[in-house]
Amino acid sequence: MERLRAADTLVLVHPVWNFGMPAILKGFFNRVLVPGVAFAMADGDRGRLTRVMKNIRKVAVVTT
């Protein structure tokens, strides 16, 4: 999480695995992009999400 907080660009390179993403990438999302790191849930705002990780300016995704 610290390395992601220090980055300004996120690049994901992965194969399409059975019409979806590989389990290791899903595990990454589940462990790293968690509430308080990537987003926050506002109380009393009907479940609205707000972005916390404002340092990421660019995202590139390459699938094979």
Protein backbone atom coordinates (compact mmCIF):
# COMPACT_ATOMS: atom_id res chain seq x y z
CA MET A 1 0.00 0.00 0.00
CA GLU A 2 2.85 2.37 0.73
CA ARG A 3 4.31 1.89 -2.75
CA LEU A 4 0.91 2.57 -4.28
CA ARG A 5 0.50 5.71 -2.18
CA ALA A 6 3.88 6.95 -3.44
CA ALA A 7 3.11 6.27 -7.12
CA ASP A 8 1.50 8.64 -9.61
CA THR A 9 0.84 6.00 -12.30
CA LEU A 10 -0.62 2.50 -12.09
CA VAL A 11 0.15 0.00 -14.87
CA LEU A 12 -1.57 -3.40 -14.91
CA VAL A 13 -0.38 -6.06 -17.35
CA HIS A 14 -2.20 -9.37 -17.22
CA PRO A 15 -3.63 -12.10 -19.42
CA VAL A 16 -7.33 -12.65 -19.83
CA TRP A 17 -7.96 -15.72 -17.73
CA ASN A 18 -11.22 -17.57 -18.41
CA PHE A 19 -12.92 -14.38 -19.60
CA GLY A 20 -11.73 -12.43 -16.56
CA MET A 21 -8.69 -11.45 -14.58
CA PRO A 22 -6.29 -13.94 -12.99
CA ALA A 23 -6.85 -14.84 -9.35
CA ILE A 24 -3.58 -13.21 -8.29
CA LEU A 25 -4.77 -9.85 -9.70
CA LYS A 26 -8.13 -10.20 -7.97
CA GLY A 27 -6.24 -10.97 -4.75
CA PHE A 28 -4.18 -7.81 -5.25
CA PHE A 29 -7.35 -5.74 -5.62
CA ASN A 30 -8.92 -7.37 -2.54
CA ARG A 31 -5.85 -6.81 -0.35
CA VAL A 32 -4.62 -3.40 -1.52
CA LEU A 33 -7.57 -1.41 -2.84
CA VAL A 34 -9.46 -1.43 0.45
CA PRO A 35 -11.61 1.19 2.18
CA GLY A 36 -9.47 3.93 3.65
CA VAL A 37 -6.71 3.40 1.07
CA ALA A 38 -8.42 3.64 -2.31
CA PHE A 39 -11.83 4.99 -1.30
CA ALA A 40 -13.92 6.03 1.68
CA MET A 41 -17.58 5.52 2.38
CA ALA A 42 -19.32 8.70 3.52
CA ASP A 43 -21.66 8.26 6.47
CA GLY A 44 -25.19 9.45 5.86
CA ASP A 45 -24.58 9.97 2.14
CA ARG A 46 -26.49 6.85 1.01
CA GLY A 47 -23.37 4.76 0.49
CA ARG A 48 -21.58 7.27 -1.73
CA LEU A 49 -17.90 6.52 -2.29
CA THR A 50 -15.23 9.19 -2.29
CA ARG A 51 -11.76 8.81 -3.74
CA VAL A 52 -8.92 8.73 -1.23
CA MET A 53 -6.01 7.73 -3.48
CA LYS A 54 -5.72 11.06 -5.30
CA ASN A 55 -2.04 10.58 -6.14
CA ILE A 56 -2.78 8.19 -9.05
CA ARG A 57 -3.11 10.40 -12.12
CA LYS A 58 -2.74 7.81 -14.89
CA VAL A 59 -3.81 4.18 -15.25
CA ALA A 60 -2.80 1.88 -18.08
CA VAL A 61 -4.14 -1.65 -18.53
CA VAL A 62 -2.65 -4.11 -21.01
CA THR A 63 -4.37 -7.46 -21.47
CA THR A 64 -3.33 -10.32 -23.69
